[in-house]
Amino acid sequence: MLRKLLDKQLALTAPGKPLHKLRPLVSALDTFLYEAPNTTTKGPHIRDAVDVKRWMMMVVVSLLPCILVAIWNTGIQKFVYTSGSSQLIQEFYASCHSLSDYFHFAFKDGRYLTILWFGFAALVPIVVISYTVGGICEAIFAVIRGHEIAEGFLVTGILYALILPPTIPYWMLAAGVAVGIILSKELFGGTGMNIINPALACRALLFFTFPAQMSGDVWVGTNPTVVREALVKANQDAGLTPLDGYSQATPLAKLSIGMDVKRVHVDAIATNIPNLEKGVPTFPVIHKQFETWSSKHTNMSTESAAIGNLSQEQLKNFVTSPVTEGGLALSPDNYENAYRFAGVQYSQGIQTDWNWFLGNKLGCLGETSVLACLLGALLLIYTGIGSWKTMVAMVLGAYCTAEAFDLCSRFFGEDGGAWNPAILGFPAYKHLLLGGLAFGAVFMATDPVSSPSLSLSQWIYGFFIGLLTILIRAINPAYPEGVMLAILIGNIFAPLIDHYVAASYRRRRHATS
């Protein structure tokens, strides 16, 4: 019955018929429900029996782990941070040190039902609006041009939704996908003709047009005002200071500290962490300065002014005092940034590597879990859809660049690099666990239309993106992420990389012939 209905609609919209302009819409429904009986005439081309529709659907299937984590993590973060209860937040923090405690917290008293509802309520409207508005744009251009509606938006629509904060206003979401799709893809001829990733182009448009809604405290729940009020209430009930209070800041946002915060500043703050007093790399410099500082503060007893046993006031006084007085000369305005950075670098509280790997952290909807991204990568690599070379090269580029920064910050400069910027000495492996690096490497950089096609090109392209990501994170404190811009820049250079690699292949063949 369905087949007969579609055949009838196709006949009514055949060339020469009054409704022939609407044929792309009927054809889109036909190819969505049934296998397309034709061969593609323009990119993307697949040298396989599978058609583009099933290829795109396989990418969507590979995104299922990220989608499930997006629902769960968004739901539990909203459940905790909008409660206004310091007791509930403390219970959640305490549960984040083991999986058994974490799931006991989530399933206690049927909380998982509320968590799932919060997650669905946050993600589903964003996905629906993304597909609806983007699909309408695709349909309009297909009707105007008289060509088929491409299946590429099956992937673009869900990718766009997963790289947004859950608090994005719906009208901005719609405007971003509409204008982004038109500017990044339709103006270039549609799917297969775009030179940059459409989903990232949509996000970049929102980021630079509405920065307040795309950065800052926008990572919990669906209403930042409600969350902010709830956190203020929880902090007041717990009697916490701004330094140790609950906030919506992501781990990556805490890396945005600028070049004025030095390694010695962060390490000095970290000496107050139990069992880490002498374990920080710059301890000799800290100890030398502390001896001078403590001698000038004779009103403090030796016991109360010992390294590792300082009050918050004493610690801040020591770190922000001038060097001539034995201090470390950090500007008081930067102390809070240094304090939060120390918590990230030395994995304090729930900011542990395992929490970041599994996805128990704040961030864009689908980017939080490295594990979910790896599961998706395995499916893409197994099916041959995603380039493992690009994925591995991007990770290597990011790791090697971060490791080079770290090594240089330790071996070059005064006092063994103690006065070098702290951001340059951030552990390389932690960079791989933060932000959207894993998601970008697996699902964005491997876009077959905007990435190179030659094997060597994919290695160069991936490494280049990874290198750029860390450069942006480390050198530009106003934009701590870096992945989005790095991939978009990589997209622009992809044809050039392919051109020179192909030229080198031809020269080698000519030389050996």
Protein backbone atom coordinates (compact mmCIF):
# COMPACT_ATOMS: atom_id res chain seq x y z
CA MET A 1 0.00 0.00 0.00
CA LEU A 2 2.80 2.40 0.91
CA ARG A 3 4.67 1.55 -2.28
CA LYS A 4 1.57 2.17 -4.41
CA LEU A 5 0.93 5.48 -2.64
CA LEU A 6 4.47 6.68 -3.26
CA ASP A 7 4.36 5.55 -6.90
CA LYS A 8 1.14 7.52 -7.37
CA GLN A 9 2.71 10.65 -5.84
CA LEU A 10 5.81 10.22 -8.00
CA ALA A 11 3.59 9.97 -11.08
CA LEU A 12 1.76 13.17 -10.12
CA THR A 13 5.08 14.99 -9.75
CA ALA A 14 6.72 13.58 -12.88
CA PRO A 15 8.40 16.03 -15.29
CA GLY A 16 5.78 17.93 -17.22
CA LYS A 17 3.10 17.51 -14.57
CA PRO A 18 1.71 20.57 -12.74
CA LEU A 19 3.23 19.47 -9.44
CA HIS A 20 6.64 18.55 -10.83
CA LYS A 21 8.29 21.23 -8.67
CA LEU A 22 7.41 19.19 -5.59
CA ARG A 23 9.04 16.01 -6.87
CA PRO A 24 12.16 16.40 -4.66
CA LEU A 25 9.94 16.27 -1.54
CA VAL A 26 8.18 13.06 -2.64
CA SER A 27 11.45 11.56 -3.80
CA ALA A 28 13.05 12.34 -0.43
CA LEU A 29 10.30 10.40 1.38
CA ASP A 30 10.67 7.54 -1.09
CA THR A 31 14.44 7.21 -0.67
CA PHE A 32 14.12 7.57 3.11
CA LEU A 33 11.72 4.60 3.30
CA TYR A 34 13.14 2.49 0.46
CA GLU A 35 16.52 1.83 -1.08
CA ALA A 36 17.28 4.30 -3.83
CA PRO A 37 17.31 2.50 -7.24
CA ASN A 38 19.87 4.83 -8.78
CA THR A 39 23.56 5.66 -8.62
CA THR A 40 24.80 8.96 -7.23
CA THR A 41 25.89 11.48 -9.84
CA LYS A 42 27.86 13.77 -7.52
CA GLY A 43 29.72 13.54 -4.20
CA PRO A 44 29.86 12.02 -1.74
CA HIS A 45 30.57 8.81 -3.68
CA ILE A 46 30.91 5.42 -1.99
CA ARG A 47 32.75 2.54 -3.65
CA ASP A 48 30.49 -0.07 -2.11
CA ALA A 49 27.09 -1.70 -2.51
CA VAL A 50 25.67 0.44 0.29
CA ASP A 51 23.91 3.66 -0.69
CA VAL A 52 24.42 7.13 0.79
CA LYS A 53 21.25 6.90 2.89
CA ARG A 54 22.40 3.76 4.72
CA TRP A 55 25.88 5.19 5.01
CA MET A 56 24.48 8.29 6.73
CA MET A 57 22.23 6.16 8.93
CA MET A 58 25.27 4.20 10.06
CA VAL A 59 26.87 7.45 11.22
CA VAL A 60 23.71 8.23 13.19
CA VAL A 61 23.88 4.75 14.75
CA SER A 62 27.50 5.37 15.74
CA LEU A 63 26.30 8.52 17.52
CA LEU A 64 23.87 6.57 19.73
CA PRO A 65 26.35 6.21 22.64
CA CYS A 66 26.88 9.99 22.62
CA ILE A 67 23.13 10.58 22.41
CA LEU A 68 22.44 8.29 25.37
CA VAL A 69 25.18 9.92 27.46
CA ALA A 70 23.83 13.35 26.46
CA ILE A 71 20.38 12.43 27.81
CA TRP A 72 21.71 10.90 31.01
CA ASN A 73 24.44 13.41 31.86
CA THR A 74 22.31 16.45 31.02
CA GLY A 75 19.53 15.03 33.16
CA ILE A 76 21.65 14.26 36.21
CA GLN A 77 23.49 17.60 36.08
CA LYS A 78 20.16 19.44 35.95
CA PHE A 79 18.73 17.27 38.74
CA VAL A 80 21.68 18.08 41.00
CA TYR A 81 22.42 21.73 40.22
CA THR A 82 18.82 22.98 40.06
CA SER A 83 17.88 21.39 43.38
CA GLY A 84 19.15 24.33 45.47
CA SER A 85 20.18 21.77 48.08
CA SER A 86 23.79 21.78 49.24
CA GLN A 87 23.18 18.41 50.88
CA LEU A 88 22.13 16.83 47.55
CA ILE A 89 25.11 18.37 45.75
CA GLN A 90 27.50 17.08 48.42
CA GLU A 91 25.90 13.63 48.15
CA PHE A 92 26.42 13.73 44.39
CA TYR A 93 30.05 14.83 44.75
CA ALA A 94 30.73 12.05 47.23
CA SER A 95 29.22 9.48 44.85
CA CYS A 96 31.44 10.46 41.92
CA HIS A 97 34.49 8.58 43.18
CA SER A 98 33.19 5.12 42.26
CA LEU A 99 30.72 3.76 39.72
CA SER A 100 28.77 1.81 42.30
CA ASP A 101 28.24 4.91 44.46
CA TYR A 102 27.36 6.97 41.39
CA PHE A 103 24.61 4.60 40.25
CA HIS A 104 23.40 4.16 43.83
CA PHE A 105 22.92 7.93 43.96
CA ALA A 106 21.14 7.99 40.60
CA PHE A 107 18.75 5.09 41.33
CA LYS A 108 18.04 6.01 44.93
CA ASP A 109 14.32 6.70 45.51
CA GLY A 110 13.59 6.44 41.79
CA ARG A 111 15.71 9.47 40.92
CA TYR A 112 16.63 7.95 37.55
CA LEU A 113 13.12 8.62 36.24
CA THR A 114 13.45 12.34 36.93
CA ILE A 115 16.99 12.31 35.51
CA LEU A 116 15.85 10.68 32.26
CA TRP A 117 12.92 13.06 31.95
CA PHE A 118 15.18 16.09 32.43
CA GLY A 119 17.59 14.73 29.82
CA PHE A 120 14.88 14.01 27.25
CA ALA A 121 13.24 17.38 27.86
CA ALA A 122 16.59 19.11 27.20
CA LEU A 123 17.77 17.14 24.14
CA VAL A 124 14.64 16.21 22.18
CA PRO A 125 13.38 19.77 21.44
CA ILE A 126 16.84 20.76 20.23
CA VAL A 127 17.04 17.74 17.91
CA VAL A 128 13.50 18.29 16.60
CA ILE A 129 14.11 21.97 15.85
CA SER A 130 17.47 21.20 14.25
CA TYR A 131 15.99 18.60 11.90
CA THR A 132 12.81 20.56 11.17
CA VAL A 133 14.37 23.92 10.33
CA GLY A 134 17.37 22.41 8.57
CA GLY A 135 15.15 20.00 6.65
CA ILE A 136 12.89 22.83 5.49
CA CYS A 137 15.93 24.74 4.21
CA GLU A 138 17.14 21.64 2.36
CA ALA A 139 13.67 21.09 0.86
CA ILE A 140 13.30 24.70 -0.31
CA PHE A 141 16.65 24.66 -2.11
CA ALA A 142 15.90 21.22 -3.59
CA VAL A 143 12.60 22.51 -5.01
CA ILE A 144 14.22 25.69 -6.36
CA ARG A 145 17.06 23.77 -8.02
CA GLY A 146 14.92 20.81 -9.03
CA HIS A 147 17.31 18.20 -7.59
CA GLU A 148 16.93 15.43 -5.04
CA ILE A 149 17.06 16.16 -1.31
CA ALA A 150 20.41 14.84 -0.11
CA GLU A 151 20.62 12.50 2.86
CA GLY A 152 23.54 14.42 4.32
CA PHE A 153 21.31 16.35 6.68
CA LEU A 154 20.51 13.13 8.54
CA VAL A 155 23.99 13.51 10.06
CA THR A 156 24.29 17.30 10.09
CA GLY A 157 21.03 17.72 12.03
CA ILE A 158 22.02 15.45 14.92
CA LEU A 159 25.66 16.59 15.00
CA TYR A 160 24.57 20.21 15.27
CA ALA A 161 22.26 19.38 18.18
CA LEU A 162 24.98 17.48 20.06
CA ILE A 163 27.56 20.29 19.92
CA LEU A 164 25.31 22.90 21.54
CA PRO A 165 24.84 23.81 25.21
CA PRO A 166 21.51 22.61 26.65
CA THR A 167 20.48 26.19 27.49
CA ILE A 168 20.55 27.48 23.91
CA PRO A 169 17.38 29.52 23.17
CA TYR A 170 15.26 27.76 20.57
CA TRP A 171 15.02 30.74 18.24
CA MET A 172 18.84 31.01 18.18
CA LEU A 173 19.05 27.29 17.49
CA ALA A 174 16.70 27.68 14.52
CA ALA A 175 18.47 30.78 13.21
CA GLY A 176 21.87 29.11 13.51
CA VAL A 177 20.93 25.98 11.56
CA ALA A 178 19.04 27.91 8.87
CA VAL A 179 21.69 30.53 8.16
CA GLY A 180 24.55 28.09 8.71
CA ILE A 181 23.17 25.52 6.24
CA ILE A 182 22.51 28.18 3.62
CA LEU A 183 25.91 29.89 3.93
CA SER A 184 28.11 26.81 4.39
CA LYS A 185 26.42 24.34 2.05
CA GLU A 186 23.58 25.54 -0.17
CA LEU A 187 25.48 28.52 -1.57
CA PHE A 188 28.21 26.11 -2.65
CA GLY A 189 25.79 23.77 -4.42
CA GLY A 190 24.43 21.57 -1.63
CA THR A 191 25.61 18.30 -0.08
CA GLY A 192 28.92 17.13 -1.50
CA MET A 193 29.91 20.62 -2.61
CA ASN A 194 30.57 22.28 0.77
CA ILE A 195 34.15 23.07 1.71
CA ILE A 196 33.61 23.23 5.49
CA ASN A 197 31.66 21.04 7.91
CA PRO A 198 28.06 22.37 7.94
CA ALA A 199 27.35 21.46 11.59
CA LEU A 200 30.49 23.27 12.76
CA ALA A 201 29.68 26.22 10.53
CA CYS A 202 26.27 26.51 12.22
CA ARG A 203 27.90 26.39 15.66
CA ALA A 204 30.57 28.91 14.69
CA LEU A 205 27.87 31.28 13.50
CA LEU A 206 26.12 31.06 16.87
CA PHE A 207 29.38 31.32 18.82
CA PHE A 208 30.51 34.55 17.20
CA THR A 209 27.03 36.06 16.91
CA PHE A 210 25.71 35.18 20.38
CA PRO A 211 28.82 34.53 22.53
CA ALA A 212 26.95 35.01 25.83
CA GLN A 213 24.59 32.14 25.01
CA MET A 214 27.38 29.86 23.76
CA SER A 215 29.93 30.29 26.56
CA GLY A 216 30.07 31.04 30.25
CA ASP A 217 27.48 29.56 32.62
CA VAL A 218 25.34 27.81 30.00
CA TRP A 219 26.06 24.15 30.65
CA VAL A 220 23.39 23.01 33.13
CA GLY A 221 19.66 22.52 32.70
CA THR A 222 17.64 24.59 30.23
CA ASN A 223 17.41 27.92 32.07
CA PRO A 224 20.65 29.56 33.28
CA THR A 225 18.77 31.98 35.56
CA VAL A 226 17.06 29.16 37.45
CA VAL A 227 20.35 27.29 37.85
CA ARG A 228 22.19 30.41 39.01
CA GLU A 229 19.57 31.11 41.68
CA ALA A 230 19.64 27.49 42.83
CA LEU A 231 23.43 27.53 43.13
CA VAL A 232 23.38 30.80 45.08
CA LYS A 233 20.94 29.23 47.53
CA ALA A 234 23.02 26.04 47.86
CA ASN A 235 26.23 28.02 48.44
CA GLN A 236 24.55 30.17 51.08
CA ASP A 237 23.14 27.12 52.88
CA ALA A 238 26.57 25.44 52.86
CA GLY A 239 28.39 28.64 53.90
CA LEU A 240 30.92 28.20 51.06
CA THR A 241 33.24 30.95 49.84
CA PRO A 242 33.33 31.92 46.15
CA LEU A 243 36.57 29.96 45.75
CA ASP A 244 35.08 26.65 46.84
CA GLY A 245 31.45 27.32 45.91
CA TYR A 246 29.38 25.31 43.45
CA SER A 247 29.38 26.73 39.92
CA GLN A 248 28.50 25.92 36.34
CA ALA A 249 32.06 26.32 35.05
CA THR A 250 33.27 23.46 32.86
CA PRO A 251 36.76 21.97 33.39
CA LEU A 252 37.81 23.46 30.07
CA ALA A 253 36.59 26.92 31.07
CA LYS A 254 38.89 26.75 34.08
CA LEU A 255 41.85 26.50 31.69
CA SER A 256 41.14 30.04 30.48
CA ILE A 257 43.61 31.74 32.82
CA GLY A 258 45.86 33.79 30.55
CA MET A 259 49.63 34.03 30.59
CA ASP A 260 49.89 35.96 33.87
CA VAL A 261 49.23 32.85 35.97
CA LYS A 262 52.55 31.00 36.26
CA ARG A 263 53.37 27.40 37.11
CA VAL A 264 54.75 28.45 40.48
CA HIS A 265 51.44 30.14 41.36
CA VAL A 266 49.37 27.05 40.62
CA ASP A 267 51.84 24.74 42.39
CA ALA A 268 51.90 26.97 45.46
CA ILE A 269 48.12 26.72 45.70
CA ALA A 270 48.36 22.96 45.16
CA THR A 271 50.69 22.58 48.18
CA ASN A 272 47.59 22.99 50.35
CA ILE A 273 46.19 19.79 48.85
CA PRO A 274 46.68 16.92 51.36
CA ASN A 275 49.66 14.64 50.62
CA LEU A 276 50.90 16.97 47.88
CA GLU A 277 52.92 19.49 49.89
CA LYS A 278 56.33 18.61 48.41
CA GLY A 279 55.09 16.78 45.33
CA VAL A 280 54.68 19.81 43.08
CA PRO A 281 57.44 20.32 40.48
CA THR A 282 58.33 23.87 41.52
CA PHE A 283 58.53 23.17 45.26
CA PRO A 284 62.19 24.34 45.65
CA VAL A 285 61.24 27.81 44.36
CA ILE A 286 58.10 27.90 46.49
CA HIS A 287 60.02 26.86 49.60
CA LYS A 288 62.71 29.47 49.01
CA GLN A 289 60.16 32.25 48.61
CA PHE A 290 58.11 30.99 51.54
CA GLU A 291 61.06 31.19 53.88
CA THR A 292 61.45 34.88 53.08
CA TRP A 293 57.71 35.53 53.25
CA SER A 294 57.19 33.78 56.60
CA SER A 295 60.15 35.65 58.13
CA LYS A 296 58.50 38.95 57.24
CA HIS A 297 55.22 37.88 58.85
CA THR A 298 56.42 37.47 62.42
CA ASN A 299 52.88 37.78 63.77
CA MET A 300 52.13 34.28 62.43
CA SER A 301 53.27 31.23 64.35
CA THR A 302 55.56 28.76 62.64
CA GLU A 303 52.95 26.01 62.80
CA SER A 304 50.14 28.05 61.27
CA ALA A 305 52.40 29.37 58.51
CA ALA A 306 53.82 26.04 57.36
CA ILE A 307 53.60 25.03 53.70
CA GLY A 308 50.64 22.71 53.27
CA ASN A 309 48.93 24.06 56.39
CA LEU A 310 47.98 27.57 55.39
CA SER A 311 44.56 29.12 55.74
CA GLN A 312 42.94 30.49 52.59
CA GLU A 313 43.82 34.01 53.67
CA GLN A 314 47.47 33.11 54.32
CA LEU A 315 47.76 31.22 51.06
CA LYS A 316 46.36 34.10 49.04
CA ASN A 317 48.60 36.55 50.89
CA PHE A 318 51.68 34.45 50.11
CA VAL A 319 50.85 33.94 46.42
CA THR A 320 49.91 37.58 45.79
CA SER A 321 52.66 39.30 47.81
CA PRO A 322 55.51 40.96 45.85
CA VAL A 323 58.61 38.88 45.15
CA THR A 324 60.72 41.28 47.22
CA GLU A 325 58.62 40.33 50.26
CA GLY A 326 58.94 36.62 49.58
CA GLY A 327 55.65 36.27 47.75
CA LEU A 328 54.97 35.04 44.21
CA ALA A 329 53.63 38.30 42.77
CA LEU A 330 50.36 37.02 41.35
CA SER A 331 47.77 39.71 40.74
CA PRO A 332 44.89 39.37 43.26
CA ASP A 333 42.46 39.54 40.33
CA ASN A 334 43.95 36.33 38.93
CA TYR A 335 44.02 34.39 42.19
CA GLU A 336 40.59 32.80 41.73
CA ASN A 337 41.51 31.67 38.20
CA ALA A 338 44.74 30.13 39.48
CA TYR A 339 42.88 28.42 42.34
CA ARG A 340 40.37 26.80 39.98
CA PHE A 341 43.11 25.85 37.51
CA ALA A 342 44.99 24.08 40.30
CA GLY A 343 41.88 22.02 41.04
CA VAL A 344 41.68 20.90 37.40
CA GLN A 345 45.39 20.19 36.98
CA TYR A 346 45.64 18.19 40.21
CA SER A 347 42.22 16.46 39.87
CA GLN A 348 40.50 17.81 42.95
CA GLY A 349 36.96 16.83 43.95
CA ILE A 350 34.99 15.32 41.08
CA GLN A 351 37.45 16.67 38.50
CA THR A 352 39.10 13.28 38.07
CA ASP A 353 40.36 11.70 34.87
CA TRP A 354 37.83 8.86 35.10
CA ASN A 355 34.89 11.23 35.46
CA TRP A 356 36.07 13.12 32.40
CA PHE A 357 36.64 9.91 30.43
CA LEU A 358 33.20 8.50 31.25
CA GLY A 359 31.41 11.81 30.71
CA ASN A 360 30.51 12.97 34.21
CA LYS A 361 31.27 16.63 33.54
CA LEU A 362 29.68 19.77 32.19
CA GLY A 363 29.88 20.64 28.52
CA CYS A 364 28.02 20.51 25.22
CA LEU A 365 25.25 17.95 25.05
CA GLY A 366 27.03 15.14 23.21
CA GLU A 367 30.72 15.92 23.76
CA THR A 368 31.24 15.04 27.41
CA SER A 369 32.03 11.31 27.20
CA VAL A 370 35.32 10.18 25.65
CA LEU A 371 34.19 6.57 26.09
CA ALA A 372 31.02 7.17 24.04
CA CYS A 373 33.10 8.78 21.29
CA LEU A 374 35.45 5.78 21.24
CA LEU A 375 32.52 3.38 20.89
CA GLY A 376 31.27 5.40 17.95
CA ALA A 377 34.78 5.46 16.46
CA LEU A 378 35.00 1.66 16.56
CA LEU A 379 31.80 1.32 14.53
CA LEU A 380 32.87 3.96 12.00
CA ILE A 381 36.27 2.33 11.56
CA TYR A 382 34.80 -1.19 11.36
CA THR A 383 32.35 -0.17 8.64
CA GLY A 384 34.99 1.85 6.78
CA ILE A 385 32.95 5.05 7.01
CA GLY A 386 35.33 7.04 9.20
CA SER A 387 39.04 7.43 8.52
CA TRP A 388 41.05 5.98 11.40
CA LYS A 389 44.10 7.77 10.04
CA THR A 390 42.48 11.18 10.57
CA MET A 391 41.31 10.21 14.08
CA VAL A 392 44.68 8.89 15.19
CA ALA A 393 46.59 11.75 13.56
CA MET A 394 44.44 14.38 15.28
CA VAL A 395 44.96 12.76 18.68
CA LEU A 396 48.71 12.48 18.04
CA GLY A 397 48.89 16.09 16.88
CA ALA A 398 47.12 17.32 20.00
CA TYR A 399 49.12 15.13 22.37
CA CYS A 400 52.52 15.87 20.84
CA THR A 401 51.88 19.62 20.79
CA ALA A 402 50.67 19.66 24.40
CA GLU A 403 53.60 17.48 25.48
CA ALA A 404 56.05 19.80 23.69
CA PHE A 405 54.55 22.79 25.53
CA ASP A 406 54.80 20.93 28.82
CA LEU A 407 58.42 19.88 28.32
CA CYS A 408 59.49 23.35 27.21
CA SER A 409 57.76 24.95 30.20
CA ARG A 410 59.72 22.65 32.53
CA PHE A 411 63.19 22.90 31.00
CA PHE A 412 63.37 26.45 29.68
CA GLY A 413 63.17 29.65 31.65
CA GLU A 414 64.17 30.93 35.05
CA ASP A 415 64.26 28.46 37.99
CA GLY A 416 63.54 25.46 35.79
CA GLY A 417 60.57 27.10 34.10
CA ALA A 418 58.80 27.89 37.39
CA TRP A 419 57.82 31.33 36.07
CA ASN A 420 56.49 30.10 32.73
CA PRO A 421 52.72 30.32 32.08
CA ALA A 422 50.82 27.55 33.85
CA ILE A 423 48.64 26.77 30.84
CA LEU A 424 51.72 25.67 28.89
CA GLY A 425 52.53 23.08 31.55
CA PHE A 426 49.07 21.50 31.63
CA PRO A 427 49.43 17.68 31.33
CA ALA A 428 49.12 16.56 27.72
CA TYR A 429 46.87 13.57 28.36
CA LYS A 430 44.33 15.75 30.18
CA HIS A 431 43.87 17.82 27.03
CA LEU A 432 42.54 14.69 25.33
CA LEU A 433 39.88 14.25 28.03
CA LEU A 434 38.56 17.81 28.02
CA GLY A 435 36.20 19.67 25.73
CA GLY A 436 35.13 18.33 22.36
CA LEU A 437 38.49 16.99 21.19
CA ALA A 438 37.37 13.33 21.14
CA PHE A 439 34.01 14.17 19.54
CA GLY A 440 35.69 16.38 16.96
CA ALA A 441 38.30 13.77 16.08
CA VAL A 442 35.72 11.01 15.58
CA PHE A 443 32.70 12.72 14.04
CA MET A 444 33.76 16.14 12.73
CA ALA A 445 37.27 15.91 11.33
CA THR A 446 36.37 12.72 9.44
CA ASP A 447 33.56 14.33 7.40
CA PRO A 448 34.23 12.78 3.94
CA VAL A 449 33.20 15.91 2.02
CA SER A 450 35.32 18.50 3.82
CA SER A 451 38.35 16.29 4.64
CA PRO A 452 41.10 14.96 2.33
CA SER A 453 40.70 11.67 0.50
CA LEU A 454 44.31 10.53 0.09
CA SER A 455 45.93 8.43 2.80
CA LEU A 456 48.96 10.66 3.48
CA SER A 457 46.73 13.73 3.30
CA GLN A 458 44.57 12.36 6.11
CA TRP A 459 47.63 11.95 8.35
CA ILE A 460 48.80 15.51 7.64
CA TYR A 461 45.28 16.93 7.95
CA GLY A 462 44.54 15.22 11.27
CA PHE A 463 47.90 16.15 12.81
CA PHE A 464 47.47 19.75 11.66
CA ILE A 465 44.04 20.00 13.34
CA GLY A 466 45.34 18.49 16.59
CA LEU A 467 48.27 20.91 16.64
CA LEU A 468 45.99 23.89 16.00
CA THR A 469 43.60 22.80 18.75
CA ILE A 470 46.29 22.95 21.43
CA LEU A 471 47.76 26.17 20.05
CA ILE A 472 44.38 27.87 20.35
CA ARG A 473 43.74 26.42 23.82
CA ALA A 474 47.12 27.39 25.19
CA ILE A 475 47.78 30.74 23.56
CA ASN A 476 44.31 32.26 23.26
CA PRO A 477 42.80 32.52 26.77
CA ALA A 478 39.56 33.99 25.40
CA TYR A 479 38.74 30.72 23.63
CA PRO A 480 39.85 27.67 25.61
CA GLU A 481 38.25 25.03 23.36
CA GLY A 482 39.96 25.31 19.99
CA VAL A 483 38.53 22.18 18.35
CA MET A 484 35.82 23.93 16.34
CA LEU A 485 38.11 26.58 14.85
CA ALA A 486 40.90 24.06 14.25
CA ILE A 487 38.64 21.75 12.23
CA LEU A 488 37.16 24.61 10.21
CA ILE A 489 40.67 25.86 9.37
CA GLY A 490 41.65 22.27 8.52
CA ASN A 491 38.64 22.03 6.18
CA ILE A 492 39.83 25.09 4.29
CA PHE A 493 43.32 23.64 3.83
CA ALA A 494 42.12 20.10 2.99
CA PRO A 495 42.00 20.58 -0.81
CA LEU A 496 45.46 22.17 -0.75
CA ILE A 497 46.85 19.25 1.26
CA ASP A 498 45.33 16.77 -1.20
CA HIS A 499 46.73 18.76 -4.14
CA TYR A 500 50.33 18.68 -2.93
CA VAL A 501 50.17 15.07 -1.77
CA ALA A 502 48.79 14.02 -5.16
CA ALA A 503 51.57 16.00 -6.84
CA SER A 504 54.19 14.22 -4.73
CA TYR A 505 52.65 10.85 -5.67
CA ARG A 506 52.88 11.77 -9.37
CA ARG A 507 56.50 12.89 -9.04
CA ARG A 508 57.45 9.62 -7.34
CA ARG A 509 55.71 7.53 -9.99
CA HIS A 510 57.43 9.56 -12.71
CA ALA A 511 60.81 9.13 -11.02
CA THR A 512 60.43 5.34 -10.77
CA SER A 513 59.01 4.82 -14.27
